[in-house]
Amino acid sequence: LTGGTGLIGSPEPGNKGVVEVRVLLMPGLEPGRRVEIEAAHVKGVFRIEVAKLHGGTAEKDWYADLQVKSEERARKS
């Protein structure tokens, strides 16, 4: 995920190694799925822990809020 492939804004580091990410809706955004993020301050392969989908074909919103962990941290928890 980059600014050119659906990343919205900048990923925000959270508690316990979780990173908050907003992206455009796309197939496959579900817990357990791996995503690669390439942003100014966050780069690497992450596992989706939580995916909150917003919007639909009849609505203006069309994005997902994800909570992701780095692959290494995800394996330890």
N, C-alpha and C. Protein backbone atom coordinates (compact mmCIF):
# COMPACT_ATOMS: atom_id res chain seq x y z
N LEU A 1 0.85 -1.18 0.00
CA LEU A 1 0.00 0.00 0.00
C LEU A 1 0.89 1.23 0.00
N THR A 2 0.64 2.10 -0.94
CA THR A 2 1.33 3.38 -1.03
C THR A 2 0.28 4.44 -1.33
N GLY A 3 0.71 5.69 -1.38
CA GLY A 3 -0.20 6.76 -1.75
C GLY A 3 -0.82 6.55 -3.13
N GLY A 4 -0.12 5.85 -4.00
CA GLY A 4 -0.61 5.60 -5.35
C GLY A 4 -1.49 4.36 -5.48
N THR A 5 -1.53 3.53 -4.43
CA THR A 5 -2.31 2.29 -4.52
C THR A 5 -3.41 2.20 -3.46
N GLY A 6 -3.77 3.32 -2.83
CA GLY A 6 -4.91 3.30 -1.94
C GLY A 6 -4.67 3.78 -0.52
N LEU A 7 -3.43 4.00 -0.14
CA LEU A 7 -3.14 4.51 1.21
C LEU A 7 -3.64 5.95 1.30
N ILE A 8 -4.39 6.25 2.37
CA ILE A 8 -4.92 7.59 2.59
C ILE A 8 -4.20 8.19 3.79
N GLY A 9 -3.52 9.29 3.60
CA GLY A 9 -2.81 9.93 4.70
C GLY A 9 -1.59 9.14 5.12
N SER A 10 -1.17 9.35 6.37
CA SER A 10 0.01 8.68 6.90
C SER A 10 -0.38 7.66 7.96
N PRO A 11 0.23 6.48 7.94
CA PRO A 11 -0.02 5.51 9.00
C PRO A 11 0.41 6.10 10.35
N GLU A 12 -0.35 5.79 11.40
CA GLU A 12 -0.08 6.32 12.73
C GLU A 12 0.28 5.18 13.68
N PRO A 13 1.48 5.22 14.28
CA PRO A 13 1.83 4.21 15.28
C PRO A 13 0.91 4.31 16.49
N GLY A 14 0.48 3.17 17.00
CA GLY A 14 -0.39 3.12 18.17
C GLY A 14 0.27 2.34 19.30
N ASN A 15 -0.52 1.81 20.19
CA ASN A 15 -0.04 1.05 21.34
C ASN A 15 0.33 -0.38 20.97
N LYS A 16 1.29 -0.94 21.67
CA LYS A 16 1.67 -2.35 21.56
C LYS A 16 2.02 -2.77 20.14
N GLY A 17 2.68 -1.89 19.40
CA GLY A 17 3.13 -2.24 18.06
C GLY A 17 2.08 -2.18 16.97
N VAL A 18 0.87 -1.73 17.32
CA VAL A 18 -0.19 -1.62 16.33
C VAL A 18 -0.03 -0.32 15.55
N VAL A 19 -0.24 -0.38 14.25
CA VAL A 19 -0.20 0.80 13.39
C VAL A 19 -1.60 1.00 12.82
N GLU A 20 -2.11 2.24 12.90
CA GLU A 20 -3.42 2.59 12.36
C GLU A 20 -3.24 3.08 10.93
N VAL A 21 -4.01 2.52 10.01
CA VAL A 21 -3.87 2.84 8.59
C VAL A 21 -5.26 3.04 7.99
N ARG A 22 -5.41 4.06 7.15
CA ARG A 22 -6.66 4.25 6.40
C ARG A 22 -6.33 4.03 4.93
N VAL A 23 -7.16 3.20 4.27
CA VAL A 23 -6.95 2.88 2.86
C VAL A 23 -8.29 2.90 2.12
N LEU A 24 -8.23 3.05 0.81
CA LEU A 24 -9.42 2.90 0.00
C LEU A 24 -9.90 1.45 0.08
N LEU A 25 -11.21 1.25 -0.02
CA LEU A 25 -11.75 -0.12 -0.02
C LEU A 25 -11.20 -0.90 -1.20
N MET A 26 -10.83 -2.14 -0.92
CA MET A 26 -10.35 -3.05 -1.95
C MET A 26 -10.58 -4.47 -1.47
N PRO A 27 -10.66 -5.42 -2.36
CA PRO A 27 -10.88 -6.81 -1.95
C PRO A 27 -9.74 -7.32 -1.07
N GLY A 28 -10.10 -8.20 -0.13
CA GLY A 28 -9.09 -8.88 0.67
C GLY A 28 -8.67 -8.20 1.95
N LEU A 29 -9.31 -7.11 2.32
CA LEU A 29 -8.95 -6.43 3.56
C LEU A 29 -9.64 -7.13 4.73
N GLU A 30 -8.98 -8.15 5.24
CA GLU A 30 -9.57 -8.93 6.32
C GLU A 30 -8.49 -9.34 7.31
N PRO A 31 -8.86 -9.55 8.57
CA PRO A 31 -7.88 -9.95 9.58
C PRO A 31 -7.12 -11.21 9.16
N GLY A 32 -5.83 -11.20 9.43
CA GLY A 32 -4.96 -12.31 9.06
C GLY A 32 -4.25 -12.11 7.74
N ARG A 33 -4.74 -11.23 6.90
CA ARG A 33 -4.14 -10.97 5.58
C ARG A 33 -2.89 -10.12 5.74
N ARG A 34 -1.89 -10.41 4.95
CA ARG A 34 -0.65 -9.62 4.96
C ARG A 34 -0.75 -8.48 3.96
N VAL A 35 -0.21 -7.33 4.36
CA VAL A 35 -0.14 -6.18 3.45
C VAL A 35 1.25 -5.56 3.58
N GLU A 36 1.74 -5.04 2.48
CA GLU A 36 3.00 -4.32 2.51
C GLU A 36 2.68 -2.84 2.46
N ILE A 37 3.27 -2.09 3.40
CA ILE A 37 3.03 -0.65 3.49
C ILE A 37 4.34 0.07 3.22
N GLU A 38 4.26 1.07 2.37
CA GLU A 38 5.43 1.88 2.05
C GLU A 38 5.02 3.34 2.15
N ALA A 39 5.36 3.95 3.30
CA ALA A 39 5.07 5.36 3.54
C ALA A 39 6.33 6.01 4.10
N ALA A 40 6.28 7.31 4.32
CA ALA A 40 7.48 8.04 4.76
C ALA A 40 8.07 7.47 6.06
N HIS A 41 7.22 7.16 7.04
CA HIS A 41 7.73 6.73 8.35
C HIS A 41 7.40 5.29 8.69
N VAL A 42 6.68 4.61 7.83
CA VAL A 42 6.29 3.22 8.08
C VAL A 42 6.52 2.42 6.81
N LYS A 43 7.37 1.39 6.92
CA LYS A 43 7.63 0.52 5.78
C LYS A 43 7.75 -0.90 6.27
N GLY A 44 7.21 -1.84 5.50
CA GLY A 44 7.37 -3.24 5.84
C GLY A 44 6.13 -4.04 5.55
N VAL A 45 6.21 -5.31 5.95
CA VAL A 45 5.09 -6.24 5.78
C VAL A 45 4.37 -6.34 7.12
N PHE A 46 3.06 -6.20 7.07
CA PHE A 46 2.23 -6.19 8.27
C PHE A 46 1.09 -7.17 8.12
N ARG A 47 0.55 -7.60 9.26
CA ARG A 47 -0.64 -8.46 9.26
C ARG A 47 -1.81 -7.65 9.76
N ILE A 48 -2.93 -7.72 9.05
CA ILE A 48 -4.14 -7.01 9.48
C ILE A 48 -4.69 -7.69 10.72
N GLU A 49 -4.85 -6.93 11.79
CA GLU A 49 -5.44 -7.43 13.03
C GLU A 49 -6.93 -7.09 13.07
N VAL A 50 -7.29 -5.85 12.68
CA VAL A 50 -8.67 -5.38 12.69
C VAL A 50 -8.92 -4.60 11.41
N ALA A 51 -10.06 -4.83 10.78
CA ALA A 51 -10.45 -4.08 9.58
C ALA A 51 -11.88 -3.57 9.77
N LYS A 52 -12.03 -2.25 9.80
CA LYS A 52 -13.35 -1.62 9.90
C LYS A 52 -13.65 -0.98 8.55
N LEU A 53 -14.62 -1.54 7.85
CA LEU A 53 -14.95 -1.07 6.51
C LEU A 53 -16.04 -0.01 6.58
N HIS A 54 -15.89 1.05 5.80
CA HIS A 54 -16.84 2.16 5.78
C HIS A 54 -17.29 2.39 4.35
N GLY A 55 -18.60 2.50 4.17
CA GLY A 55 -19.13 2.88 2.86
C GLY A 55 -19.71 1.73 2.07
N GLY A 56 -20.08 2.08 0.89
CA GLY A 56 -20.69 1.13 -0.03
C GLY A 56 -21.04 1.86 -1.31
N THR A 57 -21.67 1.18 -2.23
CA THR A 57 -21.93 1.77 -3.53
C THR A 57 -22.92 2.93 -3.46
N ALA A 58 -23.74 3.01 -2.42
CA ALA A 58 -24.72 4.09 -2.31
C ALA A 58 -24.26 5.19 -1.36
N GLU A 59 -23.01 5.13 -0.90
CA GLU A 59 -22.53 6.10 0.08
C GLU A 59 -21.29 6.82 -0.44
N LYS A 60 -21.00 7.96 0.19
CA LYS A 60 -19.81 8.73 -0.19
C LYS A 60 -18.53 8.10 0.34
N ASP A 61 -18.59 7.59 1.58
CA ASP A 61 -17.40 6.97 2.17
C ASP A 61 -17.05 5.70 1.41
N TRP A 62 -15.75 5.46 1.25
CA TRP A 62 -15.29 4.31 0.50
C TRP A 62 -13.88 3.97 0.97
N TYR A 63 -13.77 3.66 2.28
CA TYR A 63 -12.45 3.40 2.84
C TYR A 63 -12.53 2.37 3.95
N ALA A 64 -11.35 1.93 4.39
CA ALA A 64 -11.23 0.99 5.51
C ALA A 64 -10.21 1.53 6.49
N ASP A 65 -10.52 1.41 7.77
CA ASP A 65 -9.55 1.71 8.82
C ASP A 65 -8.99 0.38 9.30
N LEU A 66 -7.68 0.25 9.19
CA LEU A 66 -7.01 -1.00 9.56
C LEU A 66 -6.13 -0.80 10.77
N GLN A 67 -6.04 -1.83 11.59
CA GLN A 67 -5.03 -1.91 12.63
C GLN A 67 -4.14 -3.07 12.23
N VAL A 68 -2.87 -2.77 12.03
CA VAL A 68 -1.92 -3.78 11.57
C VAL A 68 -0.75 -3.89 12.52
N LYS A 69 -0.09 -5.05 12.51
CA LYS A 69 1.14 -5.28 13.27
C LYS A 69 2.19 -5.79 12.32
N SER A 70 3.45 -5.46 12.61
CA SER A 70 4.53 -5.99 11.78
C SER A 70 4.48 -7.50 11.86
N GLU A 71 4.91 -8.18 10.82
CA GLU A 71 4.89 -9.63 10.78
C GLU A 71 5.61 -10.22 11.99
N GLU A 72 6.74 -9.66 12.36
CA GLU A 72 7.52 -10.19 13.49
C GLU A 72 6.74 -10.04 14.80
N ARG A 73 6.16 -8.88 15.05
CA ARG A 73 5.37 -8.66 16.27
C ARG A 73 4.11 -9.51 16.28
N ALA A 74 3.49 -9.69 15.13
CA ALA A 74 2.26 -10.47 15.04
C ALA A 74 2.52 -11.93 15.40
N ARG A 75 3.67 -12.47 15.03
CA ARG A 75 3.99 -13.87 15.34
C ARG A 75 4.20 -14.07 16.84
N LYS A 76 4.69 -13.04 17.53
CA LYS A 76 4.97 -13.15 18.97
C LYS A 76 3.73 -13.05 19.83
N SER A 77 2.64 -12.43 19.30
CA SER A 77 1.44 -12.25 20.13
C SER A 77 0.44 -13.36 19.96
